[in-house]
Amino acid sequence: MSDTLVHISLREGTENEARKPETARPLDPLSKEILRLKKELNAVLLAHNYQIPEIQDLADYVGDSLGLARIAAETDADVIVFCGVHFMAETAKILNPDKLVLLPDRDAGCSLEESCPAEQLKAFQDANPGIYTIAYINCSADVKALSDVICTSGNAMKIVEAAPKDRELLFVPDENLGSWVMEQTDRPMKLWKGNCYAHVEFTADSILAIREKYPEAPLVAHPECTKAVRLLADEICSTEKMVGFCRDNPATAFIIATEAGMLHRLKRECPDKEFIAAPTDNCACNECKFMKMNTLEKLHACMLHKTPEVMMPKATLERARLPIERMLEMSK
């Protein structure tokens, strides 16, 4: 195993594709041991864009939820090690029921997932028979099992546009992403009252302040941000599409309104450009406490001991698989 990491990609150049950017970071002893275990286990290491830089640099693939779901669906590895939050590892298990799926920290949750308990969604559906449920992938396996189709921020518009025209639509659990999709598609939807705690911490005041400091830098915002922030943005897109926008745009500096881990990916993909973390009213950047629960030490321990393992009842797994597969097919 080389002491530096090499470029690994899948269908290079396509939108929403999880991929491993180049890096030549010298490896510390713990990182070398993680790579040794990965080879020994025949494992694939997946990392979300919001993971710490040290984990991103070790991963086979770094990307957004859609790209990572695609990789999970296609992998021939025996073990999937998912460096992200719990619902992401659950998605990998749903797509690979016979594989060992590991998550470095079992408690790495998500405020969006917590905002939509399955029993509350079921009660709403029972009270609104016939409603077509579109679930943002940031939800539990139990919620996925109750849904008609899943979406990510990268394909939400396509999924909503393809939804049955004769059905009332319910979008869960992110009301900000849902409202943005309604603006883009003109499809009315009922919106679940949930949000990503990290993205709603960006405010119009904090964005106006950073734009005044960097007036020439385009503002790129994630659609989980509030409408007040989205109205100030030059581009609104998923994290994966941020890479393409910043690469293709002639500007040399960009303000990025999403979780701060994304800046590492952007700097690696576009080393000749400057990326400025959008501040909140309380801090100079914004980090998801759940994403940052995964560390190199926890990653090593989970691979060494093959735990925590992601598991769920067979019935849930089988029912949740249908709307995910429907999403992957509709996203081609």
C-alpha atoms as a PDB file:
ATOM      1  CA  MET A   1       0.000   0.000   0.000  1.00  0.00           C
ATOM      2  CA  SER A   2       1.419   3.392  -1.013  1.00  0.00           C
ATOM      3  CA  ASP A   3       1.930   6.083   1.606  1.00  0.00           C
ATOM      4  CA  THR A   4      -0.041   8.505  -0.537  1.00  0.00           C
ATOM      5  CA  LEU A   5      -3.556   8.204  -1.859  1.00  0.00           C
ATOM      6  CA  VAL A   6      -4.369   8.008  -5.518  1.00  0.00           C
ATOM      7  CA  HIS A   7      -7.230   9.309  -7.607  1.00  0.00           C
ATOM      8  CA  ILE A   8     -10.211   6.951  -7.835  1.00  0.00           C
ATOM      9  CA  SER A   9     -13.297   7.892  -9.821  1.00  0.00           C
ATOM     10  CA  LEU A  10     -16.487   6.443 -11.290  1.00  0.00           C
ATOM     11  CA  ARG A  11     -17.886   7.765 -14.565  1.00  0.00           C
ATOM     12  CA  GLU A  12     -15.802  10.902 -14.229  1.00  0.00           C
ATOM     13  CA  GLY A  13     -17.472  14.137 -15.190  1.00  0.00           C
ATOM     14  CA  THR A  14     -21.116  13.299 -14.661  1.00  0.00           C
ATOM     15  CA  GLU A  15     -23.331  15.236 -12.299  1.00  0.00           C
ATOM     16  CA  ASN A  16     -24.045  13.953  -8.791  1.00  0.00           C
ATOM     17  CA  GLU A  17     -21.268  11.369  -8.999  1.00  0.00           C
ATOM     18  CA  ALA A  18     -19.491  10.407  -5.824  1.00  0.00           C
ATOM     19  CA  ARG A  19     -15.787  10.379  -6.453  1.00  0.00           C
ATOM     20  CA  LYS A  20     -12.392  10.539  -4.807  1.00  0.00           C
ATOM     21  CA  PRO A  21     -10.426  13.704  -5.659  1.00  0.00           C
ATOM     22  CA  GLU A  22      -6.663  13.606  -5.895  1.00  0.00           C
ATOM     23  CA  THR A  23      -4.567  14.043  -2.805  1.00  0.00           C
ATOM     24  CA  ALA A  24      -0.944  13.504  -1.877  1.00  0.00           C
ATOM     25  CA  ARG A  25      -1.320  13.788   1.885  1.00  0.00           C
ATOM     26  CA  PRO A  26       1.347  11.739   3.706  1.00  0.00           C
ATOM     27  CA  LEU A  27      -0.336   9.083   5.795  1.00  0.00           C
ATOM     28  CA  ASP A  28      -0.006   8.859   9.562  1.00  0.00           C
ATOM     29  CA  PRO A  29       0.268   5.402  11.227  1.00  0.00           C
ATOM     30  CA  LEU A  30      -3.448   5.264  12.102  1.00  0.00           C
ATOM     31  CA  SER A  31      -4.458   6.069   8.530  1.00  0.00           C
ATOM     32  CA  LYS A  32      -2.116   3.385   7.213  1.00  0.00           C
ATOM     33  CA  GLU A  33      -3.709   0.859   9.564  1.00  0.00           C
ATOM     34  CA  ILE A  34      -7.195   1.838   8.384  1.00  0.00           C
ATOM     35  CA  LEU A  35      -6.149   1.232   4.787  1.00  0.00           C
ATOM     36  CA  ARG A  36      -4.615  -2.113   5.760  1.00  0.00           C
ATOM     37  CA  LEU A  37      -7.882  -3.162   7.407  1.00  0.00           C
ATOM     38  CA  LYS A  38      -9.835  -1.987   4.383  1.00  0.00           C
ATOM     39  CA  LYS A  39      -7.807  -4.301   2.160  1.00  0.00           C
ATOM     40  CA  GLU A  40      -8.064  -7.172   4.647  1.00  0.00           C
ATOM     41  CA  LEU A  41     -11.847  -6.856   4.905  1.00  0.00           C
ATOM     42  CA  ASN A  42     -12.364  -6.222   1.191  1.00  0.00           C
ATOM     43  CA  ALA A  43     -14.196  -3.105   2.307  1.00  0.00           C
ATOM     44  CA  VAL A  44     -15.244   0.041   0.524  1.00  0.00           C
ATOM     45  CA  LEU A  45     -14.965   3.268   2.508  1.00  0.00           C
ATOM     46  CA  LEU A  46     -17.661   5.839   1.692  1.00  0.00           C
ATOM     47  CA  ALA A  47     -17.555   9.383   3.058  1.00  0.00           C
ATOM     48  CA  HIS A  48     -20.023  12.223   2.842  1.00  0.00           C
ATOM     49  CA  ASN A  49     -18.806  15.671   1.838  1.00  0.00           C
ATOM     50  CA  TYR A  50     -19.325  16.889   5.419  1.00  0.00           C
ATOM     51  CA  GLN A  51     -16.881  14.446   7.008  1.00  0.00           C
ATOM     52  CA  ILE A  52     -13.612  15.639   8.544  1.00  0.00           C
ATOM     53  CA  PRO A  53     -10.757  16.114   6.038  1.00  0.00           C
ATOM     54  CA  GLU A  54      -8.750  13.183   7.397  1.00  0.00           C
ATOM     55  CA  ILE A  55     -11.620  10.794   6.658  1.00  0.00           C
ATOM     56  CA  GLN A  56     -12.345  12.310   3.245  1.00  0.00           C
ATOM     57  CA  ASP A  57      -8.692  11.775   2.319  1.00  0.00           C
ATOM     58  CA  LEU A  58      -8.908   8.049   3.116  1.00  0.00           C
ATOM     59  CA  ALA A  59     -12.248   7.316   1.483  1.00  0.00           C
ATOM     60  CA  ASP A  60     -12.668   5.417  -1.757  1.00  0.00           C
ATOM     61  CA  TYR A  61     -15.526   7.723  -2.658  1.00  0.00           C
ATOM     62  CA  VAL A  62     -16.493  11.162  -1.368  1.00  0.00           C
ATOM     63  CA  GLY A  63     -19.810  12.629  -2.402  1.00  0.00           C
ATOM     64  CA  ASP A  64     -23.380  13.600  -1.659  1.00  0.00           C
ATOM     65  CA  SER A  65     -26.235  11.323  -0.642  1.00  0.00           C
ATOM     66  CA  LEU A  66     -27.253  10.471  -4.209  1.00  0.00           C
ATOM     67  CA  GLY A  67     -23.742   9.684  -5.410  1.00  0.00           C
ATOM     68  CA  LEU A  68     -23.003   7.567  -2.356  1.00  0.00           C
ATOM     69  CA  ALA A  69     -26.308   5.711  -2.695  1.00  0.00           C
ATOM     70  CA  ARG A  70     -25.359   4.857  -6.274  1.00  0.00           C
ATOM     71  CA  ILE A  71     -21.960   3.570  -5.182  1.00  0.00           C
ATOM     72  CA  ALA A  72     -23.540   1.533  -2.385  1.00  0.00           C
ATOM     73  CA  ALA A  73     -25.948  -0.016  -4.875  1.00  0.00           C
ATOM     74  CA  GLU A  74     -23.140  -1.031  -7.235  1.00  0.00           C
ATOM     75  CA  THR A  75     -20.290  -2.074  -4.938  1.00  0.00           C
ATOM     76  CA  ASP A  76     -18.881  -5.587  -4.994  1.00  0.00           C
ATOM     77  CA  ALA A  77     -17.059  -5.094  -1.678  1.00  0.00           C
ATOM     78  CA  ASP A  78     -17.847  -7.485   1.173  1.00  0.00           C
ATOM     79  CA  VAL A  79     -17.990  -4.692   3.763  1.00  0.00           C
ATOM     80  CA  ILE A  80     -19.315  -1.138   3.473  1.00  0.00           C
ATOM     81  CA  VAL A  81     -17.886   1.339   5.949  1.00  0.00           C
ATOM     82  CA  PHE A  82     -20.058   4.454   5.837  1.00  0.00           C
ATOM     83  CA  CYS A  83     -18.600   7.649   7.229  1.00  0.00           C
ATOM     84  CA  GLY A  84     -21.666   9.811   7.461  1.00  0.00           C
ATOM     85  CA  VAL A  85     -24.749   9.778   9.641  1.00  0.00           C
ATOM     86  CA  HIS A  86     -27.065   6.925  10.565  1.00  0.00           C
ATOM     87  CA  PHE A  87     -29.695   7.286   7.822  1.00  0.00           C
ATOM     88  CA  MET A  88     -26.933   7.119   5.173  1.00  0.00           C
ATOM     89  CA  ALA A  89     -25.545   3.863   6.545  1.00  0.00           C
ATOM     90  CA  GLU A  90     -29.106   2.530   6.740  1.00  0.00           C
ATOM     91  CA  THR A  91     -29.550   3.340   3.049  1.00  0.00           C
ATOM     92  CA  ALA A  92     -26.397   1.372   2.222  1.00  0.00           C
ATOM     93  CA  LYS A  93     -27.721  -1.595   4.227  1.00  0.00           C
ATOM     94  CA  ILE A  94     -31.112  -1.419   2.513  1.00  0.00           C
ATOM     95  CA  LEU A  95     -29.364  -1.637  -0.852  1.00  0.00           C
ATOM     96  CA  ASN A  96     -27.010  -4.382   0.361  1.00  0.00           C
ATOM     97  CA  PRO A  97     -28.979  -6.573   2.782  1.00  0.00           C
ATOM     98  CA  ASP A  98     -26.402  -9.378   2.726  1.00  0.00           C
ATOM     99  CA  LYS A  99     -23.338  -7.201   3.283  1.00  0.00           C
ATOM    100  CA  LEU A 100     -21.783  -6.048   6.529  1.00  0.00           C
ATOM    101  CA  VAL A 101     -22.409  -2.281   6.879  1.00  0.00           C
ATOM    102  CA  LEU A 102     -20.483  -0.408   9.544  1.00  0.00           C
ATOM    103  CA  LEU A 103     -20.914   3.109  10.940  1.00  0.00           C
ATOM    104  CA  PRO A 104     -18.037   4.524  13.026  1.00  0.00           C
ATOM    105  CA  ASP A 105     -20.355   6.157  15.574  1.00  0.00           C
ATOM    106  CA  ARG A 106     -23.794   4.654  16.159  1.00  0.00           C
ATOM    107  CA  ASP A 107     -25.032   7.956  17.636  1.00  0.00           C
ATOM    108  CA  ALA A 108     -24.269  10.011  14.524  1.00  0.00           C
ATOM    109  CA  GLY A 109     -27.855  11.071  13.898  1.00  0.00           C
ATOM    110  CA  CYS A 110     -29.624  13.852  12.008  1.00  0.00           C
ATOM    111  CA  SER A 111     -32.043  16.576  13.078  1.00  0.00           C
ATOM    112  CA  LEU A 112     -34.087  15.972   9.927  1.00  0.00           C
ATOM    113  CA  GLU A 113     -34.411  12.278  10.665  1.00  0.00           C
ATOM    114  CA  GLU A 114     -35.508  13.062  14.217  1.00  0.00           C
ATOM    115  CA  SER A 115     -38.095  15.599  13.026  1.00  0.00           C
ATOM    116  CA  CYS A 116     -40.194  12.959  11.248  1.00  0.00           C
ATOM    117  CA  PRO A 117     -41.035   9.946  13.438  1.00  0.00           C
ATOM    118  CA  ALA A 118     -42.509   7.105  11.414  1.00  0.00           C
ATOM    119  CA  GLU A 119     -45.587   6.783  13.611  1.00  0.00           C
ATOM    120  CA  GLN A 120     -46.460  10.449  13.077  1.00  0.00           C
ATOM    121  CA  LEU A 121     -46.026  10.120   9.323  1.00  0.00           C
ATOM    122  CA  LYS A 122     -48.231   7.005   9.302  1.00  0.00           C
ATOM    123  CA  ALA A 123     -50.942   8.855  11.231  1.00  0.00           C
ATOM    124  CA  PHE A 124     -50.821  11.734   8.732  1.00  0.00           C
ATOM    125  CA  GLN A 125     -51.057   9.340   5.785  1.00  0.00           C
ATOM    126  CA  ASP A 126     -54.007   7.542   7.369  1.00  0.00           C
ATOM    127  CA  ALA A 127     -55.758  10.887   7.792  1.00  0.00           C
ATOM    128  CA  ASN A 128     -54.985  11.814   4.146  1.00  0.00           C
ATOM    129  CA  PRO A 129     -55.629   8.641   2.115  1.00  0.00           C
ATOM    130  CA  GLY A 130     -54.172   8.634  -1.364  1.00  0.00           C
ATOM    131  CA  ILE A 131     -51.442  11.175  -0.633  1.00  0.00           C
ATOM    132  CA  TYR A 132     -48.174  10.523  -2.507  1.00  0.00           C
ATOM    133  CA  THR A 133     -45.211  10.718  -0.130  1.00  0.00           C
ATOM    134  CA  ILE A 134     -41.850  11.970  -1.371  1.00  0.00           C
ATOM    135  CA  ALA A 135     -39.224  11.528   1.322  1.00  0.00           C
ATOM    136  CA  TYR A 136     -35.923  13.353   1.341  1.00  0.00           C
ATOM    137  CA  ILE A 137     -33.242  10.732   1.921  1.00  0.00           C
ATOM    138  CA  ASN A 138     -32.444  12.351   5.289  1.00  0.00           C
ATOM    139  CA  CYS A 139     -34.964  10.169   7.092  1.00  0.00           C
ATOM    140  CA  SER A 140     -35.112   6.834   8.895  1.00  0.00           C
ATOM    141  CA  ALA A 141     -35.550   3.450   7.247  1.00  0.00           C
ATOM    142  CA  ASP A 142     -39.023   3.272   8.823  1.00  0.00           C
ATOM    143  CA  VAL A 143     -40.003   6.535   7.097  1.00  0.00           C
ATOM    144  CA  LYS A 144     -38.528   5.335   3.806  1.00  0.00           C
ATOM    145  CA  ALA A 145     -40.650   2.195   4.160  1.00  0.00           C
ATOM    146  CA  LEU A 146     -43.771   4.391   4.332  1.00  0.00           C
ATOM    147  CA  SER A 147     -42.803   6.486   1.296  1.00  0.00           C
ATOM    148  CA  ASP A 148     -43.608   6.228  -2.386  1.00  0.00           C
ATOM    149  CA  VAL A 149     -40.248   7.529  -3.566  1.00  0.00           C
ATOM    150  CA  ILE A 150     -37.041   8.935  -2.087  1.00  0.00           C
ATOM    151  CA  CYS A 151     -35.167  12.003  -3.296  1.00  0.00           C
ATOM    152  CA  THR A 152     -31.958  13.872  -2.543  1.00  0.00           C
ATOM    153  CA  SER A 153     -31.203  17.563  -2.880  1.00  0.00           C
ATOM    154  CA  GLY A 154     -29.479  16.720  -6.155  1.00  0.00           C
ATOM    155  CA  ASN A 155     -32.490  15.086  -7.807  1.00  0.00           C
ATOM    156  CA  ALA A 156     -35.474  16.469  -5.863  1.00  0.00           C
ATOM    157  CA  MET A 157     -36.782  18.568  -8.757  1.00  0.00           C
ATOM    158  CA  LYS A 158     -36.652  15.618 -11.155  1.00  0.00           C
ATOM    159  CA  ILE A 159     -38.419  13.345  -8.668  1.00  0.00           C
ATOM    160  CA  VAL A 160     -41.183  15.875  -7.945  1.00  0.00           C
ATOM    161  CA  GLU A 161     -41.718  16.621 -11.630  1.00  0.00           C
ATOM    162  CA  ALA A 162     -42.107  12.878 -12.285  1.00  0.00           C
ATOM    163  CA  ALA A 163     -44.638  12.397  -9.453  1.00  0.00           C
ATOM    164  CA  PRO A 164     -48.209  11.458 -10.480  1.00  0.00           C
ATOM    165  CA  LYS A 165     -50.141  14.499 -11.645  1.00  0.00           C
ATOM    166  CA  ASP A 166     -53.404  13.235 -10.176  1.00  0.00           C
ATOM    167  CA  ARG A 167     -52.096  12.721  -6.616  1.00  0.00           C
ATOM    168  CA  GLU A 168     -51.703  15.177  -3.763  1.00  0.00           C
ATOM    169  CA  LEU A 169     -48.040  15.358  -2.783  1.00  0.00           C
ATOM    170  CA  LEU A 170     -46.471  15.285   0.663  1.00  0.00           C
ATOM    171  CA  PHE A 171     -42.788  16.197   1.009  1.00  0.00           C
ATOM    172  CA  VAL A 172     -40.966  15.052   4.146  1.00  0.00           C
ATOM    173  CA  PRO A 173     -39.082  15.972   6.248  1.00  0.00           C
ATOM    174  CA  ASP A 174     -37.275  19.174   5.092  1.00  0.00           C
ATOM    175  CA  GLU A 175     -39.665  22.086   4.636  1.00  0.00           C
ATOM    176  CA  ASN A 176     -36.909  24.346   3.227  1.00  0.00           C
ATOM    177  CA  LEU A 177     -35.848  21.938   0.488  1.00  0.00           C
ATOM    178  CA  GLY A 178     -39.526  21.244  -0.182  1.00  0.00           C
ATOM    179  CA  SER A 179     -40.401  24.916  -0.534  1.00  0.00           C
ATOM    180  CA  TRP A 180     -37.457  25.483  -2.897  1.00  0.00           C
ATOM    181  CA  VAL A 181     -38.553  22.543  -5.055  1.00  0.00           C
ATOM    182  CA  MET A 182     -42.090  23.957  -5.201  1.00  0.00           C
ATOM    183  CA  GLU A 183     -40.647  27.273  -6.396  1.00  0.00           C
ATOM    184  CA  GLN A 184     -38.727  25.505  -9.165  1.00  0.00           C
ATOM    185  CA  THR A 185     -41.421  23.083 -10.311  1.00  0.00           C
ATOM    186  CA  ASP A 186     -44.710  24.873  -9.557  1.00  0.00           C
ATOM    187  CA  ARG A 187     -45.948  21.601  -8.062  1.00  0.00           C
ATOM    188  CA  PRO A 188     -47.950  22.270  -4.884  1.00  0.00           C
ATOM    189  CA  MET A 189     -47.028  20.011  -1.986  1.00  0.00           C
ATOM    190  CA  LYS A 190     -47.814  19.651   1.664  1.00  0.00           C
ATOM    191  CA  LEU A 191     -44.569  20.204   3.598  1.00  0.00           C
ATOM    192  CA  TRP A 192     -43.538  18.430   6.782  1.00  0.00           C
ATOM    193  CA  LYS A 193     -42.293  20.848   9.440  1.00  0.00           C
ATOM    194  CA  GLY A 194     -38.688  19.692   9.697  1.00  0.00           C
ATOM    195  CA  ASN A 195     -35.320  21.283   9.006  1.00  0.00           C
ATOM    196  CA  CYS A 196     -31.572  20.742   9.180  1.00  0.00           C
ATOM    197  CA  TYR A 197     -30.462  22.517  12.323  1.00  0.00           C
ATOM    198  CA  ALA A 198     -27.084  23.399  10.770  1.00  0.00           C
ATOM    199  CA  HIS A 199     -28.434  24.973   7.587  1.00  0.00           C
ATOM    200  CA  VAL A 200     -31.090  27.098   9.282  1.00  0.00           C
ATOM    201  CA  GLU A 201     -28.394  28.766  11.385  1.00  0.00           C
ATOM    202  CA  PHE A 202     -27.402  30.814   8.334  1.00  0.00           C
ATOM    203  CA  THR A 203     -29.363  34.075   8.429  1.00  0.00           C
ATOM    204  CA  ALA A 204     -29.935  36.931   6.014  1.00  0.00           C
ATOM    205  CA  ASP A 205     -27.920  39.219   8.309  1.00  0.00           C
ATOM    206  CA  SER A 206     -24.932  36.869   8.468  1.00  0.00           C
ATOM    207  CA  ILE A 207     -24.983  36.392   4.699  1.00  0.00           C
ATOM    208  CA  LEU A 208     -25.286  40.115   3.978  1.00  0.00           C
ATOM    209  CA  ALA A 209     -22.288  40.755   6.239  1.00  0.00           C
ATOM    210  CA  ILE A 210     -20.042  38.253   4.430  1.00  0.00           C
ATOM    211  CA  ARG A 211     -21.200  39.451   1.019  1.00  0.00           C
ATOM    212  CA  GLU A 212     -20.257  42.998   1.979  1.00  0.00           C
ATOM    213  CA  LYS A 213     -16.761  41.748   2.869  1.00  0.00           C
ATOM    214  CA  TYR A 214     -16.404  39.782  -0.380  1.00  0.00           C
ATOM    215  CA  PRO A 215     -18.623  41.631  -2.873  1.00  0.00           C
ATOM    216  CA  GLU A 216     -17.209  39.885  -5.967  1.00  0.00           C
ATOM    217  CA  ALA A 217     -17.577  36.340  -4.630  1.00  0.00           C
ATOM    218  CA  PRO A 218     -20.691  34.440  -5.769  1.00  0.00           C
ATOM    219  CA  LEU A 219     -22.749  32.966  -2.948  1.00  0.00           C
ATOM    220  CA  VAL A 220     -23.518  29.258  -3.384  1.00  0.00           C
ATOM    221  CA  ALA A 221     -26.181  27.945  -0.985  1.00  0.00           C
ATOM    222  CA  HIS A 222     -27.667  24.553  -0.215  1.00  0.00           C
ATOM    223  CA  PRO A 223     -31.463  24.345  -0.655  1.00  0.00           C
ATOM    224  CA  GLU A 224     -31.831  23.273   2.999  1.00  0.00           C
ATOM    225  CA  CYS A 225     -31.136  26.931   3.851  1.00  0.00           C
ATOM    226  CA  THR A 226     -34.081  29.191   4.644  1.00  0.00           C
ATOM    227  CA  LYS A 227     -35.775  31.187   1.905  1.00  0.00           C
ATOM    228  CA  ALA A 228     -34.294  34.412   3.325  1.00  0.00           C
ATOM    229  CA  VAL A 229     -30.825  33.020   2.612  1.00  0.00           C
ATOM    230  CA  ARG A 230     -31.749  31.416  -0.703  1.00  0.00           C
ATOM    231  CA  LEU A 231     -32.992  34.789  -2.001  1.00  0.00           C
ATOM    232  CA  LEU A 232     -29.469  36.169  -1.509  1.00  0.00           C
ATOM    233  CA  ALA A 233     -27.711  33.312  -3.304  1.00  0.00           C
ATOM    234  CA  ASP A 234     -26.258  33.351  -6.809  1.00  0.00           C
ATOM    235  CA  GLU A 235     -26.636  29.588  -7.077  1.00  0.00           C
ATOM    236  CA  ILE A 236     -28.704  27.092  -5.081  1.00  0.00           C
ATOM    237  CA  CYS A 237     -27.696  23.458  -5.465  1.00  0.00           C
ATOM    238  CA  SER A 238     -26.705  20.193  -3.830  1.00  0.00           C
ATOM    239  CA  THR A 239     -23.183  19.755  -2.526  1.00  0.00           C
ATOM    240  CA  GLU A 240     -22.171  17.676  -5.551  1.00  0.00           C
ATOM    241  CA  LYS A 241     -23.412  20.298  -7.978  1.00  0.00           C
ATOM    242  CA  MET A 242     -21.479  22.939  -6.023  1.00  0.00           C
ATOM    243  CA  VAL A 243     -18.279  21.335  -7.296  1.00  0.00           C
ATOM    244  CA  GLY A 244     -19.276  21.694 -10.925  1.00  0.00           C
ATOM    245  CA  PHE A 245     -20.596  25.231 -10.481  1.00  0.00           C
ATOM    246  CA  CYS A 246     -17.418  26.473  -8.804  1.00  0.00           C
ATOM    247  CA  ARG A 247     -15.179  24.674 -11.271  1.00  0.00           C
ATOM    248  CA  ASP A 248     -16.951  26.120 -14.305  1.00  0.00           C
ATOM    249  CA  ASN A 249     -17.604  29.624 -12.992  1.00  0.00           C
ATOM    250  CA  PRO A 250     -14.893  32.182 -13.881  1.00  0.00           C
ATOM    251  CA  ALA A 251     -14.915  33.677 -10.368  1.00  0.00           C
ATOM    252  CA  THR A 252     -11.813  33.015  -8.252  1.00  0.00           C
ATOM    253  CA  ALA A 253     -13.535  33.134  -4.845  1.00  0.00           C
ATOM    254  CA  PHE A 254     -16.867  31.761  -3.605  1.00  0.00           C
ATOM    255  CA  ILE A 255     -18.919  32.044  -0.417  1.00  0.00           C
ATOM    256  CA  ILE A 256     -20.269  28.597   0.497  1.00  0.00           C
ATOM    257  CA  ALA A 257     -23.452  28.347   2.581  1.00  0.00           C
ATOM    258  CA  THR A 258     -23.479  24.726   3.660  1.00  0.00           C
ATOM    259  CA  GLU A 259     -21.749  22.560   6.255  1.00  0.00           C
ATOM    260  CA  ALA A 260     -18.086  23.561   6.522  1.00  0.00           C
ATOM    261  CA  GLY A 261     -16.734  20.109   5.653  1.00  0.00           C
ATOM    262  CA  MET A 262     -17.657  20.823   2.035  1.00  0.00           C
ATOM    263  CA  LEU A 263     -14.839  23.354   1.773  1.00  0.00           C
ATOM    264  CA  HIS A 264     -12.215  20.595   1.961  1.00  0.00           C
ATOM    265  CA  ARG A 265     -13.762  18.822  -1.017  1.00  0.00           C
ATOM    266  CA  LEU A 266     -14.009  22.073  -2.963  1.00  0.00           C
ATOM    267  CA  LYS A 267     -10.393  23.031  -2.259  1.00  0.00           C
ATOM    268  CA  ARG A 268      -9.213  19.645  -3.497  1.00  0.00           C
ATOM    269  CA  GLU A 269     -11.347  19.765  -6.635  1.00  0.00           C
ATOM    270  CA  CYS A 270     -10.599  23.424  -7.407  1.00  0.00           C
ATOM    271  CA  PRO A 271      -7.160  24.158  -5.883  1.00  0.00           C
ATOM    272  CA  ASP A 272      -6.744  27.406  -7.797  1.00  0.00           C
ATOM    273  CA  LYS A 273      -9.837  28.986  -6.220  1.00  0.00           C
ATOM    274  CA  GLU A 274     -10.685  30.412  -2.792  1.00  0.00           C
ATOM    275  CA  PHE A 275     -13.634  29.186  -0.740  1.00  0.00           C
ATOM    276  CA  ILE A 276     -15.087  31.213   2.124  1.00  0.00           C
ATOM    277  CA  ALA A 277     -17.284  29.563   4.723  1.00  0.00           C
ATOM    278  CA  ALA A 278     -20.544  31.444   5.141  1.00  0.00           C
ATOM    279  CA  PRO A 279     -20.849  32.513   8.795  1.00  0.00           C
ATOM    280  CA  THR A 280     -23.815  32.277  11.119  1.00  0.00           C
ATOM    281  CA  ASP A 281     -24.779  34.950  13.614  1.00  0.00           C
ATOM    282  CA  ASN A 282     -22.722  33.072  16.223  1.00  0.00           C
ATOM    283  CA  CYS A 283     -19.653  31.672  14.471  1.00  0.00           C
ATOM    284  CA  ALA A 284     -17.381  32.069  11.450  1.00  0.00           C
ATOM    285  CA  CYS A 285     -18.485  28.797   9.860  1.00  0.00           C
ATOM    286  CA  ASN A 286     -21.084  26.087  10.363  1.00  0.00           C
ATOM    287  CA  GLU A 287     -20.468  22.465  11.330  1.00  0.00           C
ATOM    288  CA  CYS A 288     -22.891  19.582  11.847  1.00  0.00           C
ATOM    289  CA  LYS A 289     -22.216  18.072  15.258  1.00  0.00           C
ATOM    290  CA  PHE A 290     -23.486  14.699  14.030  1.00  0.00           C
ATOM    291  CA  MET A 291     -21.239  14.528  10.954  1.00  0.00           C
ATOM    292  CA  LYS A 292     -18.244  15.437  13.067  1.00  0.00           C
ATOM    293  CA  MET A 293     -18.857  12.563  15.513  1.00  0.00           C
ATOM    294  CA  ASN A 294     -16.945  10.259  13.175  1.00  0.00           C
ATOM    295  CA  THR A 295     -13.187  10.360  13.814  1.00  0.00           C
ATOM    296  CA  LEU A 296     -10.170   8.402  12.600  1.00  0.00           C
ATOM    297  CA  GLU A 297     -10.036   6.600  15.938  1.00  0.00           C
ATOM    298  CA  LYS A 298     -13.685   5.525  15.699  1.00  0.00           C
ATOM    299  CA  LEU A 299     -13.242   4.557  12.061  1.00  0.00           C
ATOM    300  CA  HIS A 300     -10.291   2.325  12.962  1.00  0.00           C
ATOM    301  CA  ALA A 301     -12.141   0.754  15.905  1.00  0.00           C
ATOM    302  CA  CYS A 302     -15.256  -0.042  13.882  1.00  0.00           C
ATOM    303  CA  MET A 303     -13.202  -1.762  11.188  1.00  0.00           C
ATOM    304  CA  LEU A 304     -11.048  -3.632  13.700  1.00  0.00           C
ATOM    305  CA  HIS A 305     -14.007  -4.947  15.725  1.00  0.00           C
ATOM    306  CA  LYS A 306     -16.610  -4.952  12.914  1.00  0.00           C
ATOM    307  CA  THR A 307     -19.032  -2.917  14.987  1.00  0.00           C
ATOM    308  CA  PRO A 308     -21.279  -0.885  15.202  1.00  0.00           C
ATOM    309  CA  GLU A 309     -23.116  -2.851  12.545  1.00  0.00           C
ATOM    310  CA  VAL A 310     -26.186  -1.354  10.877  1.00  0.00           C
ATOM    311  CA  MET A 311     -29.152  -3.720  11.097  1.00  0.00           C
ATOM    312  CA  MET A 312     -32.933  -3.536  10.743  1.00  0.00           C
ATOM    313  CA  PRO A 313     -35.932  -5.869  10.487  1.00  0.00           C
ATOM    314  CA  LYS A 314     -36.203  -7.706   7.170  1.00  0.00           C
ATOM    315  CA  ALA A 315     -39.693  -6.365   6.483  1.00  0.00           C
ATOM    316  CA  THR A 316     -38.531  -2.760   6.922  1.00  0.00           C
ATOM    317  CA  LEU A 317     -35.485  -3.372   4.778  1.00  0.00           C
ATOM    318  CA  GLU A 318     -37.500  -4.867   1.940  1.00  0.00           C
ATOM    319  CA  ARG A 319     -40.195  -2.182   2.004  1.00  0.00           C
ATOM    320  CA  ALA A 320     -37.671   0.675   2.243  1.00  0.00           C
ATOM    321  CA  ARG A 321     -35.726  -0.662  -0.721  1.00  0.00           C
ATOM    322  CA  LEU A 322     -38.587  -0.071  -3.174  1.00  0.00           C
ATOM    323  CA  PRO A 323     -38.725   3.754  -3.026  1.00  0.00           C
ATOM    324  CA  ILE A 324     -34.912   3.993  -3.076  1.00  0.00           C
ATOM    325  CA  GLU A 325     -34.692   1.821  -6.170  1.00  0.00           C
ATOM    326  CA  ARG A 326     -37.478   3.899  -7.702  1.00  0.00           C
ATOM    327  CA  MET A 327     -35.382   7.028  -7.064  1.00  0.00           C
ATOM    328  CA  LEU A 328     -32.240   5.509  -8.582  1.00  0.00           C
ATOM    329  CA  GLU A 329     -34.169   4.473 -11.682  1.00  0.00           C
ATOM    330  CA  MET A 330     -35.822   7.886 -12.062  1.00  0.00           C
ATOM    331  CA  SER A 331     -32.451   9.631 -11.592  1.00  0.00           C
ATOM    332  CA  LYS A 332     -30.716   7.962 -14.524  1.00  0.00           C
END
